[in-house]
Protein backbone atom coordinates (compact mmCIF):
# COMPACT_ATOMS: atom_id res chain seq x y z
CA UNK A 1 85.21 103.29 77.21
CA UNK A 2 85.40 99.65 78.26
CA UNK A 3 83.93 97.02 75.94
CA UNK A 4 82.22 93.78 76.84
CA UNK A 5 84.35 90.84 75.71
CA UNK A 6 85.45 87.32 76.55
CA UNK A 7 88.79 85.56 76.24
CA UNK A 8 90.12 82.10 76.92
CA UNK A 9 93.28 81.57 78.96
CA UNK A 10 94.88 79.62 81.73
CA UNK A 11 93.57 81.73 84.60
CA UNK A 12 95.79 82.22 87.62
CA UNK A 13 93.93 82.48 90.91
CA UNK A 14 96.20 83.87 93.66
CA UNK A 15 93.69 82.96 96.38
CA UNK A 16 93.11 79.29 95.60
CA UNK A 17 96.64 78.99 94.15
CA UNK A 18 95.37 77.33 91.00
CA UNK A 19 95.96 77.66 87.27
CA UNK A 20 93.01 76.40 85.24
CA UNK A 21 91.74 76.90 81.68
CA UNK A 22 88.73 79.20 81.66
CA UNK A 23 86.81 81.83 79.73
CA UNK A 24 87.03 85.28 81.29
CA UNK A 25 83.88 87.31 80.63
CA UNK A 26 84.25 91.11 81.02
CA UNK A 27 81.28 93.49 81.16
CA UNK A 28 81.06 97.11 82.27
CA UNK A 29 84.74 97.21 83.15
CA UNK A 30 84.50 94.28 85.61
CA UNK A 31 85.05 90.56 85.63
CA UNK A 32 81.48 89.28 85.20
CA UNK A 33 82.31 85.59 85.19
CA UNK A 34 85.25 83.19 85.06
CA UNK A 35 83.82 80.10 83.36
CA UNK A 36 85.94 76.93 83.72
CA UNK A 37 86.61 74.98 80.53
CA UNK A 38 86.60 71.66 82.37
CA UNK A 39 90.26 70.75 82.52
CA UNK A 40 92.14 70.96 85.82
CA UNK A 41 95.63 71.35 84.32
CA UNK A 42 96.86 74.31 82.25
CA UNK A 43 96.29 74.01 78.51
CA UNK A 44 99.64 74.53 76.70
CA UNK A 45 97.78 75.97 73.70
CA UNK A 46 96.41 78.86 75.75
CA UNK A 47 98.13 81.98 77.10
CA UNK A 48 97.95 82.84 80.80
CA UNK A 49 95.74 85.48 82.41
CA UNK A 50 96.88 86.92 85.74
CA UNK A 51 96.44 90.05 87.84
CA UNK A 52 98.50 93.01 86.66
CA UNK A 53 101.85 93.85 88.23
CA UNK A 54 102.16 96.56 90.88
CA UNK A 55 105.29 98.58 91.66
CA UNK A 56 104.97 98.82 95.45
CA UNK A 57 107.23 101.86 95.83
CA UNK A 58 108.44 104.23 93.14
CA UNK A 59 109.27 107.88 92.70
CA UNK A 60 107.75 108.56 89.29
CA UNK A 61 109.87 111.70 89.02
CA UNK A 62 113.04 109.60 88.90
CA UNK A 63 111.92 108.21 85.56
CA UNK A 64 112.36 111.79 84.30
CA UNK A 65 108.77 111.44 83.03
CA UNK A 66 105.53 113.02 84.16
CA UNK A 67 103.02 110.42 85.48
CA UNK A 68 101.02 110.18 82.25
CA UNK A 69 104.15 109.31 80.26
CA UNK A 70 105.36 106.90 82.95
CA UNK A 71 102.04 105.07 82.64
CA UNK A 72 102.29 104.85 78.86
CA UNK A 73 105.61 102.97 79.20
CA UNK A 74 104.71 100.87 82.28
CA UNK A 75 101.58 99.27 80.81
CA UNK A 76 103.69 97.76 78.01
CA UNK A 77 105.25 95.53 80.66
CA UNK A 78 102.03 94.52 82.42
CA UNK A 79 102.17 97.11 85.21
CA UNK A 80 98.68 98.32 86.10
CA UNK A 81 99.38 100.31 89.26
CA UNK A 82 102.09 101.98 91.28
CA UNK A 83 102.46 103.09 94.88
CA UNK A 84 104.08 106.43 94.11
CA UNK A 85 105.78 108.76 96.55
CA UNK A 86 105.76 112.33 95.12
CA UNK A 87 108.46 113.28 97.59
CA UNK A 88 110.77 114.62 94.89
CA UNK A 89 108.47 117.23 93.43
CA UNK A 90 107.24 117.90 96.96
CA UNK A 91 110.73 119.07 97.89
CA UNK A 92 110.70 121.46 94.94
CA UNK A 93 107.13 122.78 94.95
CA UNK A 94 105.49 121.55 98.17
CA UNK A 95 101.82 120.57 98.19
CA UNK A 96 101.39 122.24 94.80
CA UNK A 97 103.81 119.69 93.39
CA UNK A 98 101.84 116.77 94.84
CA UNK A 99 98.64 118.18 93.32
CA UNK A 100 100.44 118.56 89.99
CA UNK A 101 101.18 114.84 90.01
CA UNK A 102 97.56 114.02 90.83
CA UNK A 103 96.27 116.22 88.01
CA UNK A 104 98.65 114.89 85.39
CA UNK A 105 98.04 111.27 86.43
CA UNK A 106 94.27 111.71 86.22
CA UNK A 107 94.54 112.17 82.45
CA UNK A 108 95.39 108.50 81.78
CA UNK A 109 93.76 105.12 82.56
CA UNK A 110 96.37 103.90 85.06
CA UNK A 111 96.00 103.29 88.80
CA UNK A 112 98.41 105.56 90.61
CA UNK A 113 98.32 105.55 94.40
CA UNK A 114 100.17 108.65 95.56
CA UNK A 115 101.36 109.20 99.11
CA UNK A 116 101.56 112.25 101.31
CA UNK A 117 105.29 113.07 101.62
CA UNK A 118 106.29 112.79 105.28
CA UNK A 119 109.72 114.44 105.22
CA UNK A 120 109.82 117.67 103.22
CA UNK A 121 112.45 118.91 103.64
CA UNK A 122 114.04 115.54 104.32
CA UNK A 123 116.43 117.00 106.90
CA UNK A 124 117.22 120.45 108.33
CA UNK A 125 120.74 120.09 106.93
CA UNK A 126 119.93 121.06 103.32
CA UNK A 127 118.02 123.70 101.38
CA UNK A 128 114.76 122.56 99.83
CA UNK A 129 112.32 124.53 97.73
CA UNK A 130 109.33 123.97 100.01
CA UNK A 131 108.02 122.49 103.24
CA UNK A 132 105.13 120.07 103.76
CA UNK A 133 103.75 120.35 107.27
CA UNK A 134 101.49 118.12 109.33
CA UNK A 135 98.63 120.45 108.46
CA UNK A 136 99.42 120.01 104.76
CA UNK A 137 99.41 116.23 105.19
CA UNK A 138 96.02 116.37 106.89
CA UNK A 139 94.65 118.47 104.03
CA UNK A 140 95.89 115.90 101.51
CA UNK A 141 94.32 113.04 103.45
CA UNK A 142 91.06 114.90 104.00
CA UNK A 143 90.51 116.41 100.56
CA UNK A 144 92.17 113.87 98.26
CA UNK A 145 91.06 110.26 98.78
CA UNK A 146 93.50 109.22 96.06
CA UNK A 147 96.30 110.02 98.57
CA UNK A 148 96.53 106.49 99.88
CA UNK A 149 99.31 106.41 102.45
CA UNK A 150 101.93 108.36 104.41
CA UNK A 151 105.05 108.17 102.26
CA UNK A 152 108.39 106.90 103.49
CA UNK A 153 109.28 108.11 106.98
CA UNK A 154 112.97 108.78 106.38
CA UNK A 155 113.54 110.45 109.72
CA UNK A 156 114.17 107.18 111.51
CA UNK A 157 116.15 108.89 114.31
CA UNK A 158 113.02 110.98 114.93
CA UNK A 159 110.90 107.84 115.02
CA UNK A 160 113.22 106.11 117.50
CA UNK A 161 113.34 109.20 119.75
CA UNK A 162 109.55 109.59 119.37
CA UNK A 163 109.98 113.15 118.12
CA UNK A 164 106.67 115.02 118.56
CA UNK A 165 106.54 116.32 114.97
CA UNK A 166 107.29 112.91 113.48
CA UNK A 167 104.75 111.16 115.70
CA UNK A 168 102.10 113.74 114.82
CA UNK A 169 102.40 112.82 111.15
CA UNK A 170 102.20 109.09 111.90
CA UNK A 171 99.15 109.70 114.11
CA UNK A 172 97.47 111.59 111.26
CA UNK A 173 97.94 108.63 108.95
CA UNK A 174 96.48 106.30 111.55
CA UNK A 175 93.53 108.64 112.12
CA UNK A 176 92.76 108.64 108.40
CA UNK A 177 93.35 104.87 108.15
CA UNK A 178 96.37 105.18 105.86
CA UNK A 179 99.40 102.85 106.07
CA UNK A 180 102.80 104.39 106.86
CA UNK A 181 105.80 103.57 104.67
CA UNK A 182 109.25 103.19 106.18
CA UNK A 183 112.79 104.08 105.16
CA UNK A 184 115.44 102.93 107.61
CA UNK A 185 118.55 101.53 105.89
CA UNK A 186 120.65 99.28 108.09
CA UNK A 187 118.35 99.34 111.12
CA UNK A 188 118.60 96.08 113.06
CA UNK A 189 117.41 94.32 116.18
CA UNK A 190 115.76 96.38 118.87
CA UNK A 191 115.97 99.56 116.79
CA UNK A 192 114.08 97.84 113.97
CA UNK A 193 111.46 96.62 116.45
CA UNK A 194 110.95 100.11 117.94
CA UNK A 195 110.77 101.64 114.47
CA UNK A 196 108.01 99.23 113.46
CA UNK A 197 106.26 99.62 116.82
CA UNK A 198 105.78 103.31 116.09
CA UNK A 199 103.42 102.38 113.26
CA UNK A 200 105.77 101.88 110.32
CA UNK A 201 104.46 99.12 108.06
CA UNK A 202 107.05 98.67 105.27
CA UNK A 203 110.68 99.10 104.35
CA UNK A 204 112.25 99.17 100.88
CA UNK A 205 115.81 100.05 101.98
CA UNK A 206 117.08 96.64 103.15
CA UNK A 207 120.39 95.79 101.53
CA UNK A 208 121.23 92.82 103.78
CA UNK A 209 119.19 89.67 104.39
CA UNK A 210 119.67 89.79 108.18
CA UNK A 211 118.35 93.35 108.21
CA UNK A 212 115.23 92.25 106.32
CA UNK A 213 114.74 89.30 108.70
CA UNK A 214 114.83 91.61 111.73
CA UNK A 215 112.23 93.90 110.17
CA UNK A 216 110.03 91.00 109.12
CA UNK A 217 110.18 89.73 112.69
CA UNK A 218 109.04 93.16 113.83
CA UNK A 219 105.93 92.83 111.64
CA UNK A 220 107.00 94.97 108.71
CA UNK A 221 106.49 94.18 105.03
CA UNK A 222 109.76 94.07 103.07
CA UNK A 223 109.99 95.37 99.51
CA UNK A 224 112.59 93.80 97.26
CA UNK A 225 114.01 96.77 95.36
CA UNK A 226 115.64 96.61 91.95
CA UNK A 227 115.90 100.05 90.38
CA UNK A 228 118.35 101.84 88.12
CA UNK A 229 120.82 102.54 90.94
CA UNK A 230 119.87 100.55 94.05
CA UNK A 231 119.74 96.82 93.37
CA UNK A 232 118.89 94.54 96.31
CA UNK A 233 117.23 91.63 94.50
CA UNK A 234 120.15 89.23 94.93
CA UNK A 235 120.53 90.03 98.63
CA UNK A 236 116.87 89.43 99.47
CA UNK A 237 115.22 87.09 96.96
CA UNK A 238 116.09 83.89 98.88
CA UNK A 239 113.86 85.11 101.75
CA UNK A 240 110.80 84.80 99.52
CA UNK A 241 109.85 81.12 100.12
CA UNK A 242 109.50 81.64 103.87
CA UNK A 243 108.20 85.22 103.83
CA UNK A 244 106.32 85.66 100.53
CA UNK A 245 103.14 86.75 102.34
CA UNK A 246 105.07 89.75 103.73
CA UNK A 247 107.04 90.80 100.66
CA UNK A 248 106.54 92.96 97.56
CA UNK A 249 108.57 94.08 94.54
CA UNK A 250 109.48 97.69 93.80
CA UNK A 251 111.80 99.77 91.65
CA UNK A 252 112.04 102.90 93.87
CA UNK A 253 113.89 104.84 91.18
CA UNK A 254 113.69 103.84 87.52
CA UNK A 255 115.35 105.76 84.71
CA UNK A 256 113.52 105.97 81.35
CA UNK A 257 115.93 103.81 79.38
CA UNK A 258 115.48 100.84 81.72
CA UNK A 259 111.73 101.47 82.05
CA UNK A 260 111.52 101.25 78.26
CA UNK A 261 112.93 97.72 78.49
CA UNK A 262 111.00 96.36 81.45
CA UNK A 263 109.56 96.86 84.90
CA UNK A 264 108.20 94.51 87.59
CA UNK A 265 107.87 91.79 84.93
CA UNK A 266 111.65 91.51 84.92
CA UNK A 267 111.77 90.75 88.66
CA UNK A 268 109.07 88.12 88.27
CA UNK A 269 110.98 86.49 85.43
CA UNK A 270 114.25 86.50 87.40
CA UNK A 271 112.66 85.08 90.53
CA UNK A 272 110.98 82.23 88.65
CA UNK A 273 114.21 81.51 86.73
CA UNK A 274 115.93 81.00 90.10
CA UNK A 275 113.45 78.27 90.93
CA UNK A 276 111.07 80.29 93.12
CA UNK A 277 107.47 79.07 93.17
CA UNK A 278 105.59 80.97 90.47
CA UNK A 279 102.41 81.44 92.51
CA UNK A 280 104.38 82.82 95.47
CA UNK A 281 106.27 85.16 93.17
CA UNK A 282 103.03 86.43 91.62
CA UNK A 283 101.53 86.98 95.04
CA UNK A 284 104.52 89.23 95.81
CA UNK A 285 104.22 91.04 92.46
CA UNK A 286 100.45 91.41 92.27
CA UNK A 287 98.33 90.59 95.32
CA UNK A 288 100.34 91.78 98.31
CA UNK A 289 100.62 95.48 97.35
CA UNK A 290 96.94 95.65 96.41
CA UNK A 291 95.92 94.29 99.80
CA UNK A 292 98.45 96.23 101.88
CA UNK A 293 97.65 99.61 100.34
CA UNK A 294 93.97 98.79 99.72
CA UNK A 295 94.35 99.70 96.06
CA UNK A 296 91.27 99.86 93.81
CA UNK A 297 92.91 97.27 91.58
CA UNK A 298 91.29 94.01 90.50
CA UNK A 299 92.90 90.66 91.28
CA UNK A 300 91.14 88.60 88.59
CA UNK A 301 88.15 87.50 90.62
CA UNK A 302 84.51 87.67 89.67
CA UNK A 303 83.19 91.14 90.48
CA UNK A 304 86.66 92.74 90.48
CA UNK A 305 87.65 95.60 88.21
CA UNK A 306 88.99 94.07 84.99
CA UNK A 307 92.62 94.92 85.67
CA UNK A 308 94.64 92.00 84.36
CA UNK A 309 97.28 90.95 81.88
CA UNK A 310 97.71 88.15 79.38
CA UNK A 311 101.18 86.63 79.03
CA UNK A 312 102.47 83.99 76.63
CA UNK A 313 103.96 81.73 79.30
CA UNK A 314 105.20 81.60 82.89
CA UNK A 315 108.87 81.58 81.92
CA UNK A 316 109.66 84.89 80.21
CA UNK A 317 106.29 86.53 81.03
CA UNK A 318 106.11 88.26 77.68
CA UNK A 319 103.03 90.49 77.90
CA UNK A 320 100.48 90.19 75.10
CA UNK A 321 97.78 92.47 76.53
CA UNK A 322 97.27 94.77 79.48
CA UNK A 323 93.71 95.66 80.56
CA UNK A 324 92.62 98.36 82.99
CA UNK A 325 88.93 98.53 83.91
CA UNK A 326 88.24 96.39 80.89
CA UNK A 327 90.08 98.74 78.52
CA UNK A 328 92.93 97.35 76.44
CA UNK A 329 95.76 99.77 77.23
CA UNK A 330 98.73 97.90 75.74
CA UNK A 331 99.16 95.12 73.23
CA UNK A 332 102.25 93.26 72.05
CA UNK A 333 104.65 95.74 73.59
CA UNK A 334 102.92 98.88 72.33
CA UNK A 335 101.00 101.35 74.47
CA UNK A 336 97.45 102.22 73.45
CA UNK A 337 97.18 105.13 75.91
CA UNK A 338 97.07 108.48 74.13
CA UNK A 339 99.61 111.12 75.12
CA UNK A 340 98.26 113.77 77.50
CA UNK A 341 99.14 117.49 77.56
CA UNK A 342 101.98 118.37 79.91
CA UNK A 343 101.98 121.60 81.93
CA UNK A 344 105.43 122.97 82.82
CA UNK A 345 105.93 124.07 86.44
CA UNK A 346 109.21 124.85 88.14
CA UNK A 347 111.09 126.48 91.03
CA UNK A 348 114.53 127.47 89.83
CA UNK A 349 116.72 130.56 90.23
CA UNK A 350 119.66 130.43 87.78
CA UNK A 351 122.86 132.19 88.78
CA UNK A 352 126.30 132.27 87.21
CA UNK A 353 129.13 130.04 88.45
CA UNK A 354 132.86 130.35 87.69
CA UNK A 355 135.65 127.79 87.96
CA UNK A 356 137.17 129.55 90.99
CA UNK A 357 133.91 129.07 92.90
CA UNK A 358 134.80 125.37 93.19
CA UNK A 359 138.38 125.77 94.42
CA UNK A 360 139.31 124.04 97.66
CA UNK A 361 141.93 126.20 99.33
CA UNK A 362 143.84 124.96 102.36
CA UNK A 363 144.09 128.53 103.56
CA UNK A 364 140.34 129.08 103.24
CA UNK A 365 139.33 125.80 104.86
CA UNK A 366 141.84 125.47 107.67
CA UNK A 367 142.86 129.06 108.30
CA UNK A 368 146.39 128.19 107.30
CA UNK A 369 148.80 131.03 106.77
CA UNK A 370 150.73 129.22 104.07
CA UNK A 371 150.91 130.76 100.63
CA UNK A 372 149.19 129.16 97.65
CA UNK A 373 152.55 128.43 96.06
CA UNK A 374 153.65 126.30 99.00
CA UNK A 375 152.56 122.64 98.82
CA UNK A 376 151.36 120.85 101.93
CA UNK A 377 152.21 117.16 102.00
CA UNK A 378 150.34 116.62 105.29
CA UNK A 379 146.86 117.52 103.99
CA UNK A 380 144.26 114.73 104.14
CA UNK A 381 140.92 114.48 102.37
CA UNK A 382 137.76 113.03 103.93
CA UNK A 383 136.68 110.97 100.94
CA UNK A 384 133.21 109.73 99.95
CA UNK A 385 133.32 106.30 98.32
CA UNK A 386 130.32 105.37 96.17
CA UNK A 387 129.37 101.87 95.03
CA UNK A 388 127.70 100.59 91.90
CA UNK A 389 124.12 99.48 92.59
CA UNK A 390 123.99 100.91 96.11
CA UNK A 391 122.79 104.14 97.76
CA UNK A 392 125.07 103.72 100.75
CA UNK A 393 128.58 105.14 100.67
CA UNK A 394 131.76 104.49 102.65
CA UNK A 395 134.09 107.04 104.15
CA UNK A 396 137.85 106.99 104.46
CA UNK A 397 140.77 109.39 104.55
CA UNK A 398 143.27 109.81 101.72
CA UNK A 399 146.36 111.98 101.30
CA UNK A 400 145.41 115.11 99.35
CA UNK A 401 146.93 116.17 96.06
CA UNK A 402 147.89 119.80 96.60
CA UNK A 403 148.94 122.21 93.86
CA UNK A 404 149.69 125.86 94.62
CA UNK A 405 147.81 125.69 97.91
CA UNK A 406 144.71 124.14 96.33
CA UNK A 407 143.47 120.60 96.89
CA UNK A 408 142.77 119.21 93.44
CA UNK A 409 141.36 115.98 91.95
CA UNK A 410 143.76 113.07 91.58
CA UNK A 411 142.63 111.02 88.58
CA UNK A 412 145.29 108.37 89.22
CA UNK A 413 143.41 107.45 92.43
CA UNK A 414 139.92 108.24 91.08
CA UNK A 415 139.61 111.13 93.56
CA UNK A 416 137.24 113.57 91.86
CA UNK A 417 135.47 116.70 93.02
CA UNK A 418 131.84 116.52 94.08
CA UNK A 419 129.73 119.65 94.47
CA UNK A 420 126.18 120.55 95.48
CA UNK A 421 124.95 123.96 94.31
CA UNK A 422 121.81 125.62 95.67
CA UNK A 423 119.22 125.91 92.85
CA UNK A 424 116.74 128.05 94.79
CA UNK A 425 118.95 131.07 95.44
CA UNK A 426 122.54 132.16 94.86
CA UNK A 427 124.93 130.73 97.44
CA UNK A 428 128.51 129.41 97.52
CA UNK A 429 128.70 125.76 96.44
CA UNK A 430 129.56 122.95 98.84
CA UNK A 431 132.57 120.99 97.62
CA UNK A 432 133.96 117.59 98.63
CA UNK A 433 135.86 114.68 97.10
CA UNK A 434 134.54 111.35 95.88
CA UNK A 435 135.87 108.03 94.67
CA UNK A 436 134.08 105.50 92.49
CA UNK A 437 132.89 107.53 89.49
CA UNK A 438 135.96 106.72 87.45
CA UNK A 439 135.88 109.78 85.16
CA UNK A 440 139.10 110.41 83.22
CA UNK A 441 138.12 113.92 82.18
CA UNK A 442 135.21 116.38 82.06
CA UNK A 443 132.21 116.55 84.38
CA UNK A 444 128.58 115.51 84.95
CA UNK A 445 125.87 117.66 86.53
CA UNK A 446 122.22 117.07 87.41
CA UNK A 447 119.32 118.95 88.98
CA UNK A 448 118.01 115.58 90.18
CA UNK A 449 119.70 115.49 93.58
CA UNK A 450 117.84 113.64 96.31
CA UNK A 451 116.18 114.87 98.35
CA UNK A 452 116.16 118.64 97.95
CA UNK A 453 117.13 118.56 94.27
CA UNK A 454 119.84 121.12 94.27
CA UNK A 455 122.41 120.73 91.49
CA UNK A 456 124.82 117.86 92.10
CA UNK A 457 127.93 117.55 89.97
CA UNK A 458 131.12 115.50 89.78
CA UNK A 459 134.18 116.48 87.77
CA UNK A 460 137.85 116.16 87.05
CA UNK A 461 138.67 119.88 87.06
CA UNK A 462 137.07 123.13 88.18
CA UNK A 463 136.46 124.51 84.69
CA UNK A 464 134.55 121.42 83.57
CA UNK A 465 132.63 121.33 86.84
CA UNK A 466 131.62 124.98 86.49
CA UNK A 467 130.54 124.52 82.88
CA UNK A 468 128.42 121.44 83.63
CA UNK A 469 126.67 123.26 86.48
CA UNK A 470 126.11 126.30 84.26
CA UNK A 471 124.50 124.18 81.54
CA UNK A 472 121.98 122.86 84.08
CA UNK A 473 121.38 126.41 85.33
CA UNK A 474 120.70 127.67 81.82
CA UNK A 475 118.23 124.85 81.15
CA UNK A 476 116.49 125.51 84.50
CA UNK A 477 117.01 121.86 85.24
CA UNK A 478 118.45 118.86 83.46
CA UNK A 479 121.34 116.45 83.06
CA UNK A 480 124.59 117.68 81.52
CA UNK A 481 127.83 116.11 80.30
CA UNK A 482 130.97 118.14 79.55
CA UNK A 483 133.76 116.28 77.79
CA UNK A 484 137.46 117.25 77.78
CA UNK A 485 137.29 117.97 74.03
CA UNK A 486 134.63 120.62 74.61
CA UNK A 487 131.65 118.49 73.61
CA UNK A 488 128.54 119.34 75.64
CA UNK A 489 125.29 117.42 75.94
CA UNK A 490 122.17 118.41 77.90
CA UNK A 491 118.88 116.64 78.61
CA UNK A 492 116.52 119.47 79.70
CA UNK A 493 114.08 118.72 82.55
CA UNK A 494 111.77 121.75 82.59
CA UNK A 495 109.08 120.24 84.86
CA UNK A 496 110.33 121.07 88.36
CA UNK A 497 113.90 120.45 87.16
CA UNK A 498 113.01 116.75 87.53
CA UNK A 499 110.91 115.68 84.56
CA UNK A 500 110.75 116.20 80.82
CA UNK A 501 107.70 117.45 78.95
CA UNK A 502 108.52 115.10 76.07
CA UNK A 503 107.13 111.61 75.21
CA UNK A 504 108.65 108.69 77.10
CA UNK A 505 110.52 107.05 74.20
CA UNK A 506 112.08 110.41 73.26
CA UNK A 507 113.23 110.96 76.84
CA UNK A 508 114.59 107.42 77.01
CA UNK A 509 116.63 108.03 73.85
CA UNK A 510 117.93 111.38 75.16
CA UNK A 511 118.80 109.82 78.50
CA UNK A 512 120.63 106.98 76.77
CA UNK A 513 122.70 109.59 74.93
CA UNK A 514 123.84 111.41 78.10
CA UNK A 515 124.37 108.05 79.86
CA UNK A 516 126.58 106.89 77.00
CA UNK A 517 128.47 110.16 77.05
CA UNK A 518 129.04 109.83 80.82
CA UNK A 519 130.37 106.32 80.42
CA UNK A 520 132.60 107.48 77.57
CA UNK A 521 134.33 109.72 80.13
CA UNK A 522 135.38 106.53 81.91
CA UNK A 523 132.64 105.85 84.45
CA UNK A 524 132.20 102.11 85.16
CA UNK A 525 128.86 102.69 86.94
CA UNK A 526 125.72 101.10 85.49
CA UNK A 527 123.80 104.36 86.00
CA UNK A 528 126.21 107.27 86.64
CA UNK A 529 123.50 109.94 86.80
CA UNK A 530 121.30 107.91 89.13
CA UNK A 531 124.26 107.27 91.44
CA UNK A 532 125.15 110.99 91.30
CA UNK A 533 121.62 111.92 92.32
CA UNK A 534 121.99 109.98 95.59
CA UNK A 535 125.27 111.58 96.67
CA UNK A 536 123.23 114.35 98.33
CA UNK A 537 120.82 111.93 100.03
CA UNK A 538 121.72 112.61 103.65
CA UNK A 539 119.43 109.98 105.19
CA UNK A 540 121.47 107.15 103.65
CA UNK A 541 124.84 106.49 105.38
CA UNK A 542 127.68 106.96 105.55
CA UNK A 543 129.07 110.18 104.07
CA UNK A 544 127.11 112.52 101.77
CA UNK A 545 127.18 116.16 100.66
CA UNK A 546 124.41 118.75 100.92
CA UNK A 547 124.43 122.33 99.68
CA UNK A 548 125.42 123.25 103.25
CA UNK A 549 128.40 120.91 103.61
CA UNK A 550 129.77 117.40 104.16
CA UNK A 551 127.41 115.26 106.22
CA UNK A 552 127.89 112.18 108.40
CA UNK A 553 124.81 110.00 107.81
CA UNK A 554 125.66 107.69 110.73
CA UNK A 555 126.00 110.39 113.39
CA UNK A 556 123.46 112.65 111.59
CA UNK A 557 125.61 115.78 111.79
CA UNK A 558 127.93 117.83 109.62
CA UNK A 559 131.60 116.90 109.28
CA UNK A 560 133.79 119.82 110.28
CA UNK A 561 136.33 119.84 107.46
CA UNK A 562 136.54 118.26 104.00
CA UNK A 563 140.32 118.57 104.21
CA UNK A 564 142.40 118.58 107.37
CA UNK A 565 146.09 118.65 108.30
C-alpha cells in the first residue's frame, strides 16, 4: 500500500528543463503537489528527485531471471519500468510463454511493458519450440492491454519485400494502436527508409553512427544499446546532442552479474561524464520511452503516478530511493520488493550425445572416397569469426587441420568447434568452426541460444563438447563448463531452459562462477556465454549456425559446406 508523504529535493522537470528545490507531496500513489521552496538554483544540501529510469528494450529472459526477480534487482538502480520483448520464451513455449511472463510479472510492483513477439520462429531455417501466428498476436493485443507493442520485427527482408505475412502483423499493431519495434542491423540509405516507411518506429541494432543517422532521417527512434554482449554506446553516444528527442537507452540482453552492479543508471552516468547535457541525457533515459510506448509511468509532474527516484547527485547518480506508485521499493541499494513464488515451465526433450556425434569427416561432408587415415592438405574451413561486444560475425576461409580424415580444432589458430543441438527432439547436431573464443581446453554449452534456444556449445575436442552438451541435457536447460582436468560446473535454468527459479543474487553468484570458469579456459571475451548465445542468431550477419546448418546472414540462405576442398 502506498503511504502519503512529502520530501524535499532538487526536482528535475524534463518538460521545462529546470532543476529547482521543492517539496514533493505524494498522496494516494500520485504526485499531489510539487511546492517550490523559493530558490531558482539547486540547493547543494538537497538530493535530486527525477523520473525513474526506463530500459527501452530488454529480453528479461537473458538475465536468467524470471520477471519478478529481474524487478527486484533493477529497482536498486533506479529502474522503474522496462519495455520487454518476451521473444525468447515465446520461441520455447509460444503464447503460453508470453502469458507466463505476464503472470509472474504481475506479482511485483514494477512496470513491465511486454510486447507481442513478431517473429516466432525467427526464421524458417531453425527449429523452434513453438509458433506465434498473426491470430495469436491479435489475441494478445485484444485480451491483454498490458501487451503494449509489436516486438522487434527481425524479418527485415520480409519488410523490404512487403511480405504478406509480415505486413499483416504490422497492420494488426497499427489497428490496435501499438508501436512496432524494429531490428535491422546494418540497414542503410534507401533500405532504411523503406523499412521505416512500412511502420517500423525504432531500432536498437545500430552499431555504426552513419547507420543510426540514416534511420533517424527516416523517422525512426534509435536506442543506444549497452548490454552484456552487444555494446554500442561508444559508437552512438555522440549523436545525442543533435538527436536526443529521438533516442533512448536500452540493455537488450543483461546477464545477472552485471544487472547486480547497475542498469540504465550506468549509461546516464557515462553520458554525463563525457560532457553530455544532463537534462538531455535524462530525457533519453526517462521521458522518451514513456512517451513513445505510452507507458503508465509517472514523469514527476503533479497528477502523475508517483514513480520517481532520489539520487545523491548528478555525477554518479547513486540511487537513495526508488518509488513506484508512491511505494518505496528500494532504498540505499537494497530491494524492498518481496520475493514471489516461481512456477517452473519447460519444453525440453533430453537425448544422449556421444563424442563421435560431433566428428567432421571429409568423407561424410564432401563424398570423398579417401580413407580416414589419409590426410588432406587441400581442405578448407568456412570459419565464423566472433567479436567481443558485438553480435555480428565475420566470415573467412582457413586451411583445415585434418587428422585421420577428420577436420579437428586447431588451438594454435583459435579454430574451435561450434555446435547447435536440437533441444526439442533427437536429431544430429550441426557442427561448424569458430574463431574468437580463445579456449585452450574443454568446452562451454548453453540452452540459451538465440532465437530458437537449442543447445549451443563451443569446444576444443569432441569429448569435451559432448560432455558439456550432455550436462545441459541432464539439467533440462542451463549453462555448463567442462574443463580439461575433468572439472564440471552447471548453472541449471529449469524455467523454459532460459531462467532460474532462484533469487537474483544467488543466480548472479552462480553465473559469476561459470563465467569465471569459462575465462579460466582461456576466453578473452567479456561475456563468453552471452557471445555464445548469439552464434545461432541467424538474423544478425554475417555467418551463424542453426541446428539445421551453417547460415549466411547476408544472403539469408544456408551455406553448402562447412569444409570444402
